Amino acid sequence: MRRKKTSNTDIKNTLSRTTALFKTYKPITPGIRHLKRPLNPHIYEGRPVRALTIAKRKKGGRNSYGRITVRHRGGGHRQRIRTLDFVREEQGVYDVIRIEYDPGRSAHIALVRSRNPEHEGLQRWKYILATDGMRAGDEVQSFRQGIPEGFIPEFDAAKSEEEKTSDGQGQKSSSVHSLALGILRTMTLKPGNVLPLKLMPPGTIIHNIALKTSGPGILVRAAGSFGQVVSHEDAGRYTHVRLQSGEVRKVLSDCCATIGKVSNPLWKGRSLGKAGRARWLGRRPSVRGVAMNACDHPHGGGRGKSKSNKHPVSIWGWGTKGTRTRKPGPKGPKNSNKMVIRERPRGKDKRR
């Protein structure tokens, strides 16, 4: 009798032990005994769109002189850089085609396609950061250039009726304003949409926050991270935003951010299972200072495992166990960072 051919997926499904959040394996080898992966069945298993990628030339942590400037880097699997759109200036509805894995970041990315028939090439297809819960078939939209005319037809009709019933002055009443605000938030405050901070109510969860009105989003882009709109200043120039670290800072109200939380929140709970997987990712081994010679590290040398009753320091000599080397924010040098309202919690403040 012929034996039935078994594919790699069948073998993986046989050995896997799925839980509610993570996928573990039956320990038939030491390398998969502690292996733990987040369950992401919605991830596309094919290759990326090649036109939206760039070849990554690895340098192993060396600079132009060939000297190591970043330790513990080298080797790893060949990768391609995915070019993401962090600005999202084009208006109109984009359809989410699929969610993909990106080796260059901890979060997942989404391939979106424009519905505008005039868009061609890279304007029609692009990669964006995927929000938590985003799936294929969803719709996202950018309001960076403002709310387009006729976007809320119900509000236009209510506004015209209110002007007819007014005293002839043509002023907006509070009822029309509240109606417009409610309809606007219902239609725009959706995960994946881009909005200026001034149009977001306090308490909105955001990510991919820009610091310049026409610049790309640079804050809160790691997996599972999110910021929150705290309040708007009365003058209307700045908006107070709480970042993932707990720091509260002022951001220009005309700057834009994306609604929602960054995807792949279980990324921090994963376990590689063996040292070889770290090498596949391009990470080289890290050697302890006490295992080195005295010429190589401040903790090196001596008889036995001893650092000679010294405070723990790095290979360059500065404290490595929470020693403050600078004072950022309002407590630091004059005008070092005027936008920080409250620093991130440190030490005992983290327990509160």
C-alpha atoms as a PDB file:
ATOM      1  CA  MET A   1       0.000   0.000   0.000  1.00  0.00           C
ATOM      2  CA  ARG A   2       1.154   3.525  -0.768  1.00  0.00           C
ATOM      3  CA  ARG A   3       1.821   5.824   2.100  1.00  0.00           C
ATOM      4  CA  LYS A   4      -0.002   9.097   2.068  1.00  0.00           C
ATOM      5  CA  LYS A   5       2.329  12.079   1.649  1.00  0.00           C
ATOM      6  CA  THR A   6       2.255  14.475   4.596  1.00  0.00           C
ATOM      7  CA  SER A   7       3.048  18.146   4.130  1.00  0.00           C
ATOM      8  CA  ASN A   8       4.903  20.379   6.552  1.00  0.00           C
ATOM      9  CA  THR A   9       1.654  22.017   7.621  1.00  0.00           C
ATOM     10  CA  ASP A  10       0.186  18.643   8.569  1.00  0.00           C
ATOM     11  CA  ILE A  11       3.239  17.860  10.702  1.00  0.00           C
ATOM     12  CA  LYS A  12       3.082  21.264  12.405  1.00  0.00           C
ATOM     13  CA  ASN A  13      -0.621  20.861  13.134  1.00  0.00           C
ATOM     14  CA  THR A  14       0.031  17.429  14.622  1.00  0.00           C
ATOM     15  CA  LEU A  15       2.784  18.635  16.940  1.00  0.00           C
ATOM     16  CA  SER A  16       1.170  21.943  17.887  1.00  0.00           C
ATOM     17  CA  ARG A  17      -0.611  22.502  21.166  1.00  0.00           C
ATOM     18  CA  THR A  18      -2.781  25.550  20.682  1.00  0.00           C
ATOM     19  CA  THR A  19      -3.900  27.665  23.600  1.00  0.00           C
ATOM     20  CA  ALA A  20      -6.188  30.658  23.746  1.00  0.00           C
ATOM     21  CA  LEU A  21      -3.507  33.213  22.805  1.00  0.00           C
ATOM     22  CA  PHE A  22      -0.251  31.437  21.993  1.00  0.00           C
ATOM     23  CA  LYS A  23       0.762  28.386  20.032  1.00  0.00           C
ATOM     24  CA  THR A  24       3.054  25.858  21.709  1.00  0.00           C
ATOM     25  CA  TYR A  25       4.472  22.578  20.464  1.00  0.00           C
ATOM     26  CA  LYS A  26       4.911  19.045  21.714  1.00  0.00           C
ATOM     27  CA  PRO A  27       8.567  18.910  22.874  1.00  0.00           C
ATOM     28  CA  ILE A  28       9.930  16.234  20.570  1.00  0.00           C
ATOM     29  CA  THR A  29      13.124  18.337  20.198  1.00  0.00           C
ATOM     30  CA  PRO A  30      14.856  20.712  22.642  1.00  0.00           C
ATOM     31  CA  GLY A  31      14.422  23.605  20.215  1.00  0.00           C
ATOM     32  CA  ILE A  32      10.636  23.601  20.345  1.00  0.00           C
ATOM     33  CA  ARG A  33      10.183  22.793  24.039  1.00  0.00           C
ATOM     34  CA  HIS A  34      10.021  26.481  24.988  1.00  0.00           C
ATOM     35  CA  LEU A  35       8.904  27.794  21.603  1.00  0.00           C
ATOM     36  CA  LYS A  36       5.840  30.023  21.938  1.00  0.00           C
ATOM     37  CA  ARG A  37       4.255  31.996  19.125  1.00  0.00           C
ATOM     38  CA  PRO A  38       1.218  34.307  19.036  1.00  0.00           C
ATOM     39  CA  LEU A  39      -1.758  32.933  17.141  1.00  0.00           C
ATOM     40  CA  ASN A  40      -2.147  34.971  13.948  1.00  0.00           C
ATOM     41  CA  PRO A  41      -4.160  32.875  11.466  1.00  0.00           C
ATOM     42  CA  HIS A  42      -5.112  35.996   9.502  1.00  0.00           C
ATOM     43  CA  ILE A  43      -1.527  36.690   8.356  1.00  0.00           C
ATOM     44  CA  TYR A  44      -0.932  36.286   4.624  1.00  0.00           C
ATOM     45  CA  GLU A  45       1.564  33.471   3.994  1.00  0.00           C
ATOM     46  CA  GLY A  46       2.781  34.590   0.556  1.00  0.00           C
ATOM     47  CA  ARG A  47       5.479  37.013  -0.532  1.00  0.00           C
ATOM     48  CA  PRO A  48       5.136  40.810  -0.376  1.00  0.00           C
ATOM     49  CA  VAL A  49       4.520  43.110  -3.337  1.00  0.00           C
ATOM     50  CA  ARG A  50       8.007  43.480  -4.758  1.00  0.00           C
ATOM     51  CA  ALA A  51       7.401  47.008  -6.092  1.00  0.00           C
ATOM     52  CA  LEU A  52       6.772  48.137  -2.503  1.00  0.00           C
ATOM     53  CA  THR A  53      10.036  46.693  -1.154  1.00  0.00           C
ATOM     54  CA  ILE A  54      13.723  47.662  -1.210  1.00  0.00           C
ATOM     55  CA  ALA A  55      16.718  45.358  -0.955  1.00  0.00           C
ATOM     56  CA  LYS A  56      18.348  45.426   2.490  1.00  0.00           C
ATOM     57  CA  ARG A  57      22.152  45.426   2.409  1.00  0.00           C
ATOM     58  CA  LYS A  58      23.399  44.285   5.794  1.00  0.00           C
ATOM     59  CA  LYS A  59      26.566  45.758   7.297  1.00  0.00           C
ATOM     60  CA  GLY A  60      26.927  43.695  10.468  1.00  0.00           C
ATOM     61  CA  GLY A  61      26.951  46.737  12.741  1.00  0.00           C
ATOM     62  CA  ARG A  62      29.987  48.292  10.996  1.00  0.00           C
ATOM     63  CA  ASN A  63      30.426  51.877   9.852  1.00  0.00           C
ATOM     64  CA  SER A  64      32.112  53.110   6.677  1.00  0.00           C
ATOM     65  CA  TYR A  65      35.546  52.470   8.246  1.00  0.00           C
ATOM     66  CA  GLY A  66      34.680  48.842   8.989  1.00  0.00           C
ATOM     67  CA  ARG A  67      34.652  49.348  12.745  1.00  0.00           C
ATOM     68  CA  ILE A  68      31.889  47.873  14.930  1.00  0.00           C
ATOM     69  CA  THR A  69      29.645  50.681  16.166  1.00  0.00           C
ATOM     70  CA  VAL A  70      26.642  48.508  17.136  1.00  0.00           C
ATOM     71  CA  ARG A  71      27.474  45.245  18.879  1.00  0.00           C
ATOM     72  CA  HIS A  72      25.626  41.934  18.662  1.00  0.00           C
ATOM     73  CA  ARG A  73      24.608  42.286  15.020  1.00  0.00           C
ATOM     74  CA  GLY A  74      25.497  40.114  12.056  1.00  0.00           C
ATOM     75  CA  GLY A  75      24.286  37.302   9.861  1.00  0.00           C
ATOM     76  CA  GLY A  76      20.618  36.449   9.708  1.00  0.00           C
ATOM     77  CA  HIS A  77      18.230  35.592   6.947  1.00  0.00           C
ATOM     78  CA  ARG A  78      18.063  37.747   3.839  1.00  0.00           C
ATOM     79  CA  GLN A  79      15.354  40.400   4.119  1.00  0.00           C
ATOM     80  CA  ARG A  80      13.696  43.118   2.089  1.00  0.00           C
ATOM     81  CA  ILE A  81      12.598  46.463   3.502  1.00  0.00           C
ATOM     82  CA  ARG A  82       8.875  47.196   3.182  1.00  0.00           C
ATOM     83  CA  THR A  83       8.211  50.831   2.262  1.00  0.00           C
ATOM     84  CA  LEU A  84       5.334  52.041   4.435  1.00  0.00           C
ATOM     85  CA  ASP A  85       3.290  55.182   3.984  1.00  0.00           C
ATOM     86  CA  PHE A  86       3.443  57.048   7.300  1.00  0.00           C
ATOM     87  CA  VAL A  87       2.087  60.307   5.817  1.00  0.00           C
ATOM     88  CA  ARG A  88      -1.090  59.164   4.010  1.00  0.00           C
ATOM     89  CA  GLU A  89      -1.897  62.388   2.199  1.00  0.00           C
ATOM     90  CA  GLU A  90      -4.213  60.915  -0.450  1.00  0.00           C
ATOM     91  CA  GLN A  91      -7.900  61.263   0.311  1.00  0.00           C
ATOM     92  CA  GLY A  92     -10.533  58.692  -0.494  1.00  0.00           C
ATOM     93  CA  VAL A  93     -11.399  55.190   0.650  1.00  0.00           C
ATOM     94  CA  TYR A  94      -8.761  52.455   0.651  1.00  0.00           C
ATOM     95  CA  ASP A  95      -9.677  48.780   0.889  1.00  0.00           C
ATOM     96  CA  VAL A  96      -7.581  46.468   3.070  1.00  0.00           C
ATOM     97  CA  ILE A  97      -6.502  43.572   0.857  1.00  0.00           C
ATOM     98  CA  ARG A  98      -4.504  41.518   3.373  1.00  0.00           C
ATOM     99  CA  ILE A  99      -2.442  41.653   6.573  1.00  0.00           C
ATOM    100  CA  GLU A 100       1.228  40.751   6.189  1.00  0.00           C
ATOM    101  CA  TYR A 101       4.267  40.007   8.334  1.00  0.00           C
ATOM    102  CA  ASP A 102       7.114  42.531   8.272  1.00  0.00           C
ATOM    103  CA  PRO A 103      10.592  41.334   9.339  1.00  0.00           C
ATOM    104  CA  GLY A 104      11.714  44.923   9.876  1.00  0.00           C
ATOM    105  CA  ARG A 105       9.251  45.758  12.672  1.00  0.00           C
ATOM    106  CA  SER A 106       7.326  44.119  15.475  1.00  0.00           C
ATOM    107  CA  ALA A 107       3.900  45.226  14.203  1.00  0.00           C
ATOM    108  CA  HIS A 108       2.021  43.801  11.246  1.00  0.00           C
ATOM    109  CA  ILE A 109       1.419  45.761   8.058  1.00  0.00           C
ATOM    110  CA  ALA A 110      -1.616  46.021   5.810  1.00  0.00           C
ATOM    111  CA  LEU A 111      -1.712  46.126   2.023  1.00  0.00           C
ATOM    112  CA  VAL A 112      -4.366  48.639   0.933  1.00  0.00           C
ATOM    113  CA  ARG A 113      -5.752  49.558  -2.486  1.00  0.00           C
ATOM    114  CA  SER A 114      -7.330  52.851  -3.534  1.00  0.00           C
ATOM    115  CA  ARG A 115     -10.814  52.980  -5.010  1.00  0.00           C
ATOM    116  CA  ASN A 116      -9.946  56.050  -7.081  1.00  0.00           C
ATOM    117  CA  PRO A 117      -9.625  54.911 -10.723  1.00  0.00           C
ATOM    118  CA  GLU A 118      -7.250  57.817 -11.440  1.00  0.00           C
ATOM    119  CA  HIS A 119      -4.631  56.445  -9.044  1.00  0.00           C
ATOM    120  CA  GLU A 120      -2.028  54.229 -10.644  1.00  0.00           C
ATOM    121  CA  GLY A 121       1.066  52.383  -9.473  1.00  0.00           C
ATOM    122  CA  LEU A 122       2.287  53.309  -6.006  1.00  0.00           C
ATOM    123  CA  GLN A 123      -0.649  55.696  -5.513  1.00  0.00           C
ATOM    124  CA  ARG A 124      -3.080  52.803  -5.909  1.00  0.00           C
ATOM    125  CA  TRP A 125      -1.179  50.266  -3.777  1.00  0.00           C
ATOM    126  CA  LYS A 126       0.610  50.961  -0.512  1.00  0.00           C
ATOM    127  CA  TYR A 127       1.572  49.474   2.829  1.00  0.00           C
ATOM    128  CA  ILE A 128       0.374  51.013   6.099  1.00  0.00           C
ATOM    129  CA  LEU A 129       0.668  50.043   9.750  1.00  0.00           C
ATOM    130  CA  ALA A 130      -2.092  47.600  10.644  1.00  0.00           C
ATOM    131  CA  THR A 131      -4.234  48.486  13.641  1.00  0.00           C
ATOM    132  CA  ASP A 132      -5.312  45.910  16.188  1.00  0.00           C
ATOM    133  CA  GLY A 133      -8.318  44.032  14.831  1.00  0.00           C
ATOM    134  CA  MET A 134      -7.851  45.116  11.194  1.00  0.00           C
ATOM    135  CA  ARG A 135      -8.704  42.383   8.710  1.00  0.00           C
ATOM    136  CA  ALA A 136      -8.985  41.952   4.954  1.00  0.00           C
ATOM    137  CA  GLY A 137     -12.103  43.676   3.624  1.00  0.00           C
ATOM    138  CA  ASP A 138     -11.981  46.649   6.006  1.00  0.00           C
ATOM    139  CA  GLU A 139     -12.008  50.246   4.806  1.00  0.00           C
ATOM    140  CA  VAL A 140      -9.640  53.017   5.869  1.00  0.00           C
ATOM    141  CA  GLN A 141      -9.576  56.670   4.969  1.00  0.00           C
ATOM    142  CA  SER A 142      -7.314  59.696   5.463  1.00  0.00           C
ATOM    143  CA  PHE A 143      -8.633  63.109   6.501  1.00  0.00           C
ATOM    144  CA  ARG A 144      -5.219  64.790   6.681  1.00  0.00           C
ATOM    145  CA  GLN A 145      -6.316  67.473   4.215  1.00  0.00           C
ATOM    146  CA  GLY A 146      -9.585  68.076   6.076  1.00  0.00           C
ATOM    147  CA  ILE A 147     -13.152  66.854   5.777  1.00  0.00           C
ATOM    148  CA  PRO A 148     -14.221  66.867   2.105  1.00  0.00           C
ATOM    149  CA  GLU A 149     -17.341  68.745   1.070  1.00  0.00           C
ATOM    150  CA  GLY A 150     -20.473  66.634   0.918  1.00  0.00           C
ATOM    151  CA  PHE A 151     -18.973  63.976   3.165  1.00  0.00           C
ATOM    152  CA  ILE A 152     -21.934  64.302   5.586  1.00  0.00           C
ATOM    153  CA  PRO A 153     -25.078  64.984   3.516  1.00  0.00           C
ATOM    154  CA  GLU A 154     -27.353  64.721   6.570  1.00  0.00           C
ATOM    155  CA  PHE A 155     -25.462  67.550   8.220  1.00  0.00           C
ATOM    156  CA  ASP A 156     -25.767  69.766   5.139  1.00  0.00           C
ATOM    157  CA  ALA A 157     -29.549  69.268   5.103  1.00  0.00           C
ATOM    158  CA  ALA A 158     -29.860  69.952   8.844  1.00  0.00           C
ATOM    159  CA  LYS A 159     -27.706  73.034   8.486  1.00  0.00           C
ATOM    160  CA  SER A 160     -29.859  74.478   5.703  1.00  0.00           C
ATOM    161  CA  GLU A 161     -33.054  73.869   7.673  1.00  0.00           C
ATOM    162  CA  GLU A 162     -31.578  75.501  10.765  1.00  0.00           C
ATOM    163  CA  GLU A 163     -30.614  78.580   8.773  1.00  0.00           C
ATOM    164  CA  LYS A 164     -34.152  78.856   7.385  1.00  0.00           C
ATOM    165  CA  THR A 165     -35.701  78.739  10.848  1.00  0.00           C
ATOM    166  CA  SER A 166     -33.223  81.232  12.331  1.00  0.00           C
ATOM    167  CA  ASP A 167     -33.813  84.968  12.703  1.00  0.00           C
ATOM    168  CA  GLY A 168     -32.115  85.667   9.418  1.00  0.00           C
ATOM    169  CA  GLN A 169     -28.658  86.228  10.864  1.00  0.00           C
ATOM    170  CA  GLY A 170     -27.357  82.921   9.480  1.00  0.00           C
ATOM    171  CA  GLN A 171     -25.477  82.000  12.678  1.00  0.00           C
ATOM    172  CA  LYS A 172     -24.884  78.371  13.635  1.00  0.00           C
ATOM    173  CA  SER A 173     -26.924  77.279  16.612  1.00  0.00           C
ATOM    174  CA  SER A 174     -25.695  74.907  19.274  1.00  0.00           C
ATOM    175  CA  SER A 175     -28.054  72.159  18.119  1.00  0.00           C
ATOM    176  CA  VAL A 176     -26.632  72.156  14.600  1.00  0.00           C
ATOM    177  CA  HIS A 177     -23.093  72.209  15.965  1.00  0.00           C
ATOM    178  CA  SER A 178     -23.699  69.254  18.288  1.00  0.00           C
ATOM    179  CA  LEU A 179     -25.432  67.324  15.495  1.00  0.00           C
ATOM    180  CA  ALA A 180     -22.532  67.969  13.145  1.00  0.00           C
ATOM    181  CA  LEU A 181     -19.989  66.923  15.752  1.00  0.00           C
ATOM    182  CA  GLY A 182     -21.820  63.692  16.538  1.00  0.00           C
ATOM    183  CA  ILE A 183     -22.222  62.694  12.886  1.00  0.00           C
ATOM    184  CA  LEU A 184     -18.621  63.650  12.127  1.00  0.00           C
ATOM    185  CA  ARG A 185     -17.202  61.529  14.950  1.00  0.00           C
ATOM    186  CA  THR A 186     -19.401  58.579  14.016  1.00  0.00           C
ATOM    187  CA  MET A 187     -18.184  58.571  10.424  1.00  0.00           C
ATOM    188  CA  THR A 188     -14.515  59.415  10.964  1.00  0.00           C
ATOM    189  CA  LEU A 189     -13.425  57.937  14.315  1.00  0.00           C
ATOM    190  CA  LYS A 190     -12.774  54.429  13.037  1.00  0.00           C
ATOM    191  CA  PRO A 191      -9.615  52.309  13.523  1.00  0.00           C
ATOM    192  CA  GLY A 192      -7.145  52.915  10.735  1.00  0.00           C
ATOM    193  CA  ASN A 193      -8.397  56.381   9.764  1.00  0.00           C
ATOM    194  CA  VAL A 194      -6.057  59.395   9.856  1.00  0.00           C
ATOM    195  CA  LEU A 195      -7.329  62.588  11.468  1.00  0.00           C
ATOM    196  CA  PRO A 196      -5.871  65.848  12.799  1.00  0.00           C
ATOM    197  CA  LEU A 197      -5.615  65.865  16.578  1.00  0.00           C
ATOM    198  CA  LYS A 198      -7.965  68.856  16.839  1.00  0.00           C
ATOM    199  CA  LEU A 199     -10.851  66.712  15.500  1.00  0.00           C
ATOM    200  CA  MET A 200     -10.376  63.955  18.099  1.00  0.00           C
ATOM    201  CA  PRO A 201     -12.246  64.049  21.418  1.00  0.00           C
ATOM    202  CA  PRO A 202     -10.297  63.545  24.664  1.00  0.00           C
ATOM    203  CA  GLY A 203      -9.770  59.889  25.470  1.00  0.00           C
ATOM    204  CA  THR A 204      -9.275  58.759  21.859  1.00  0.00           C
ATOM    205  CA  ILE A 205      -6.763  55.913  21.431  1.00  0.00           C
ATOM    206  CA  ILE A 206      -4.230  56.792  18.711  1.00  0.00           C
ATOM    207  CA  HIS A 207      -0.880  55.746  17.231  1.00  0.00           C
ATOM    208  CA  ASN A 208       1.538  56.830  14.483  1.00  0.00           C
ATOM    209  CA  ILE A 209       1.608  60.407  15.805  1.00  0.00           C
ATOM    210  CA  ALA A 210       3.276  63.136  13.742  1.00  0.00           C
ATOM    211  CA  LEU A 211       5.189  66.047  15.283  1.00  0.00           C
ATOM    212  CA  LYS A 212       5.050  68.245  12.165  1.00  0.00           C
ATOM    213  CA  THR A 213       1.886  69.286  10.374  1.00  0.00           C
ATOM    214  CA  SER A 214       3.106  67.954   7.029  1.00  0.00           C
ATOM    215  CA  GLY A 215       5.474  65.294   8.344  1.00  0.00           C
ATOM    216  CA  PRO A 216       5.128  61.532   8.753  1.00  0.00           C
ATOM    217  CA  GLY A 217       4.033  59.776  11.911  1.00  0.00           C
ATOM    218  CA  ILE A 218       7.071  58.991  14.071  1.00  0.00           C
ATOM    219  CA  LEU A 219       5.722  58.271  17.565  1.00  0.00           C
ATOM    220  CA  VAL A 220       3.944  55.130  18.860  1.00  0.00           C
ATOM    221  CA  ARG A 221       4.580  52.651  16.058  1.00  0.00           C
ATOM    222  CA  ALA A 222       5.734  49.490  17.912  1.00  0.00           C
ATOM    223  CA  ALA A 223       3.551  46.392  18.280  1.00  0.00           C
ATOM    224  CA  GLY A 224       0.720  46.763  20.786  1.00  0.00           C
ATOM    225  CA  SER A 225       1.552  50.377  21.657  1.00  0.00           C
ATOM    226  CA  PHE A 226      -0.927  53.260  21.755  1.00  0.00           C
ATOM    227  CA  GLY A 227      -1.227  56.865  22.830  1.00  0.00           C
ATOM    228  CA  GLN A 228      -4.197  58.791  24.143  1.00  0.00           C
ATOM    229  CA  VAL A 229      -5.538  62.291  23.614  1.00  0.00           C
ATOM    230  CA  VAL A 230      -5.698  63.906  27.060  1.00  0.00           C
ATOM    231  CA  SER A 231      -7.009  67.411  26.387  1.00  0.00           C
ATOM    232  CA  HIS A 232      -7.016  70.370  24.012  1.00  0.00           C
ATOM    233  CA  GLU A 233      -5.710  73.769  25.036  1.00  0.00           C
ATOM    234  CA  ASP A 234      -8.126  76.674  25.025  1.00  0.00           C
ATOM    235  CA  ALA A 235      -5.985  78.597  22.574  1.00  0.00           C
ATOM    236  CA  GLY A 236      -6.260  75.664  20.183  1.00  0.00           C
ATOM    237  CA  ARG A 237      -2.589  75.532  19.216  1.00  0.00           C
ATOM    238  CA  TYR A 238      -1.532  72.418  21.148  1.00  0.00           C
ATOM    239  CA  THR A 239      -3.064  69.092  22.143  1.00  0.00           C
ATOM    240  CA  HIS A 240      -1.871  67.128  25.181  1.00  0.00           C
ATOM    241  CA  VAL A 241      -1.075  63.512  24.304  1.00  0.00           C
ATOM    242  CA  ARG A 242      -0.091  60.687  26.646  1.00  0.00           C
ATOM    243  CA  LEU A 243       2.497  58.409  25.038  1.00  0.00           C
ATOM    244  CA  GLN A 244       3.082  54.705  25.637  1.00  0.00           C
ATOM    245  CA  SER A 245       5.830  55.415  28.197  1.00  0.00           C
ATOM    246  CA  GLY A 246       3.446  57.519  30.294  1.00  0.00           C
ATOM    247  CA  GLU A 247       4.964  60.832  29.239  1.00  0.00           C
ATOM    248  CA  VAL A 248       2.495  63.634  28.535  1.00  0.00           C
ATOM    249  CA  ARG A 249       3.640  66.119  25.922  1.00  0.00           C
ATOM    250  CA  LYS A 250       2.240  68.907  23.788  1.00  0.00           C
ATOM    251  CA  VAL A 251       1.704  68.232  20.080  1.00  0.00           C
ATOM    252  CA  LEU A 252       0.480  70.730  17.513  1.00  0.00           C
ATOM    253  CA  SER A 253      -3.266  70.346  17.040  1.00  0.00           C
ATOM    254  CA  ASP A 254      -2.881  70.402  13.261  1.00  0.00           C
ATOM    255  CA  CYS A 255      -0.641  67.302  13.382  1.00  0.00           C
ATOM    256  CA  CYS A 256      -2.238  64.017  12.407  1.00  0.00           C
ATOM    257  CA  ALA A 257      -2.433  60.583  13.998  1.00  0.00           C
ATOM    258  CA  THR A 258      -4.080  57.252  13.240  1.00  0.00           C
ATOM    259  CA  ILE A 259      -7.067  56.001  15.219  1.00  0.00           C
ATOM    260  CA  GLY A 260      -6.654  52.752  17.136  1.00  0.00           C
ATOM    261  CA  LYS A 261      -3.974  50.580  18.682  1.00  0.00           C
ATOM    262  CA  VAL A 262      -1.011  49.073  16.840  1.00  0.00           C
ATOM    263  CA  SER A 263      -1.460  45.442  15.822  1.00  0.00           C
ATOM    264  CA  ASN A 264       0.264  42.329  17.215  1.00  0.00           C
ATOM    265  CA  PRO A 265      -0.084  43.141  20.949  1.00  0.00           C
ATOM    266  CA  LEU A 266       1.094  39.622  21.928  1.00  0.00           C
ATOM    267  CA  TRP A 267       4.529  40.165  20.413  1.00  0.00           C
ATOM    268  CA  LYS A 268       6.210  40.713  23.789  1.00  0.00           C
ATOM    269  CA  GLY A 269       4.926  37.369  25.084  1.00  0.00           C
ATOM    270  CA  ARG A 270       6.628  35.276  22.426  1.00  0.00           C
ATOM    271  CA  SER A 271       9.573  32.940  23.139  1.00  0.00           C
ATOM    272  CA  LEU A 272      12.141  32.096  20.468  1.00  0.00           C
ATOM    273  CA  GLY A 273      12.842  28.716  22.044  1.00  0.00           C
ATOM    274  CA  LYS A 274      16.489  28.401  21.017  1.00  0.00           C
ATOM    275  CA  ALA A 275      19.560  30.500  20.262  1.00  0.00           C
ATOM    276  CA  GLY A 276      19.428  29.608  16.573  1.00  0.00           C
ATOM    277  CA  ARG A 277      16.247  31.609  16.053  1.00  0.00           C
ATOM    278  CA  ALA A 278      18.021  34.715  17.369  1.00  0.00           C
ATOM    279  CA  ARG A 279      20.789  34.103  14.836  1.00  0.00           C
ATOM    280  CA  TRP A 280      18.176  33.863  12.072  1.00  0.00           C
ATOM    281  CA  LEU A 281      17.040  37.339  13.091  1.00  0.00           C
ATOM    282  CA  GLY A 282      20.586  38.706  12.808  1.00  0.00           C
ATOM    283  CA  ARG A 283      21.426  38.792  16.528  1.00  0.00           C
ATOM    284  CA  ARG A 284      24.882  37.656  17.595  1.00  0.00           C
ATOM    285  CA  PRO A 285      25.720  36.385  21.102  1.00  0.00           C
ATOM    286  CA  SER A 286      26.144  38.762  24.040  1.00  0.00           C
ATOM    287  CA  VAL A 287      29.114  38.073  26.331  1.00  0.00           C
ATOM    288  CA  ARG A 288      29.018  39.014  30.014  1.00  0.00           C
ATOM    289  CA  GLY A 289      31.569  41.521  31.253  1.00  0.00           C
ATOM    290  CA  VAL A 290      32.802  39.302  34.121  1.00  0.00           C
ATOM    291  CA  ALA A 291      33.722  36.655  31.564  1.00  0.00           C
ATOM    292  CA  MET A 292      36.071  39.033  29.700  1.00  0.00           C
ATOM    293  CA  ASN A 293      39.622  40.092  30.362  1.00  0.00           C
ATOM    294  CA  ALA A 294      40.425  43.289  32.232  1.00  0.00           C
ATOM    295  CA  CYS A 295      41.430  45.008  28.995  1.00  0.00           C
ATOM    296  CA  ASP A 296      38.042  44.335  27.419  1.00  0.00           C
ATOM    297  CA  HIS A 297      35.554  45.357  30.123  1.00  0.00           C
ATOM    298  CA  PRO A 298      35.520  47.183  33.501  1.00  0.00           C
ATOM    299  CA  HIS A 299      34.144  43.979  35.090  1.00  0.00           C
ATOM    300  CA  GLY A 300      36.773  41.768  33.486  1.00  0.00           C
ATOM    301  CA  GLY A 301      39.848  40.131  34.990  1.00  0.00           C
ATOM    302  CA  GLY A 302      40.498  38.921  38.508  1.00  0.00           C
ATOM    303  CA  ARG A 303      40.389  35.481  40.020  1.00  0.00           C
ATOM    304  CA  GLY A 304      36.974  33.879  39.923  1.00  0.00           C
ATOM    305  CA  LYS A 305      33.655  35.501  39.099  1.00  0.00           C
ATOM    306  CA  SER A 306      34.103  38.946  40.604  1.00  0.00           C
ATOM    307  CA  LYS A 307      33.693  42.500  39.394  1.00  0.00           C
ATOM    308  CA  SER A 308      35.988  43.841  42.167  1.00  0.00           C
ATOM    309  CA  ASN A 309      33.287  45.475  44.303  1.00  0.00           C
ATOM    310  CA  LYS A 310      32.429  48.038  41.636  1.00  0.00           C
ATOM    311  CA  HIS A 311      29.125  49.525  40.661  1.00  0.00           C
ATOM    312  CA  PRO A 312      27.751  47.748  37.570  1.00  0.00           C
ATOM    313  CA  VAL A 313      28.746  49.691  34.488  1.00  0.00           C
ATOM    314  CA  SER A 314      28.626  49.155  30.748  1.00  0.00           C
ATOM    315  CA  ILE A 315      31.595  48.433  28.535  1.00  0.00           C
ATOM    316  CA  TRP A 316      32.053  52.211  28.122  1.00  0.00           C
ATOM    317  CA  GLY A 317      32.047  52.907  31.862  1.00  0.00           C
ATOM    318  CA  TRP A 318      28.679  54.561  32.529  1.00  0.00           C
ATOM    319  CA  GLY A 319      26.181  53.147  35.009  1.00  0.00           C
ATOM    320  CA  THR A 320      23.982  50.404  33.637  1.00  0.00           C
ATOM    321  CA  LYS A 321      21.479  49.847  36.457  1.00  0.00           C
ATOM    322  CA  GLY A 322      19.275  52.902  36.143  1.00  0.00           C
ATOM    323  CA  THR A 323      21.859  55.617  36.823  1.00  0.00           C
ATOM    324  CA  ARG A 324      20.620  58.954  35.509  1.00  0.00           C
ATOM    325  CA  THR A 325      23.065  60.511  33.061  1.00  0.00           C
ATOM    326  CA  ARG A 326      20.893  63.444  32.005  1.00  0.00           C
ATOM    327  CA  LYS A 327      17.745  65.275  33.064  1.00  0.00           C
ATOM    328  CA  PRO A 328      15.292  65.465  30.192  1.00  0.00           C
ATOM    329  CA  GLY A 329      12.125  67.507  30.107  1.00  0.00           C
ATOM    330  CA  PRO A 330      11.278  70.488  32.337  1.00  0.00           C
ATOM    331  CA  LYS A 331      13.809  69.453  35.022  1.00  0.00           C
ATOM    332  CA  GLY A 332      16.704  69.445  32.577  1.00  0.00           C
ATOM    333  CA  PRO A 333      18.673  72.254  30.946  1.00  0.00           C
ATOM    334  CA  LYS A 334      16.830  75.363  29.873  1.00  0.00           C
ATOM    335  CA  ASN A 335      14.710  74.835  26.765  1.00  0.00           C
ATOM    336  CA  SER A 336      15.867  71.195  26.475  1.00  0.00           C
ATOM    337  CA  ASN A 337      12.330  69.992  25.795  1.00  0.00           C
ATOM    338  CA  LYS A 338       9.623  72.578  26.288  1.00  0.00           C
ATOM    339  CA  MET A 339       6.893  70.309  24.927  1.00  0.00           C
ATOM    340  CA  VAL A 340       7.067  67.774  27.767  1.00  0.00           C
ATOM    341  CA  ILE A 341       4.384  68.454  30.372  1.00  0.00           C
ATOM    342  CA  ARG A 342       4.982  65.416  32.591  1.00  0.00           C
ATOM    343  CA  GLU A 343       7.910  63.046  32.344  1.00  0.00           C
ATOM    344  CA  ARG A 344       7.464  59.330  32.068  1.00  0.00           C
ATOM    345  CA  PRO A 345       7.259  57.530  35.442  1.00  0.00           C
ATOM    346  CA  ARG A 346      10.565  56.185  36.724  1.00  0.00           C
ATOM    347  CA  GLY A 347      11.462  54.006  39.689  1.00  0.00           C
ATOM    348  CA  LYS A 348       8.794  53.965  42.384  1.00  0.00           C
ATOM    349  CA  ASP A 349       6.387  56.002  40.247  1.00  0.00           C
ATOM    350  CA  LYS A 350       5.921  52.984  37.976  1.00  0.00           C
ATOM    351  CA  ARG A 351       4.233  51.043  40.771  1.00  0.00           C
ATOM    352  CA  ARG A 352       1.418  53.565  41.155  1.00  0.00           C
END
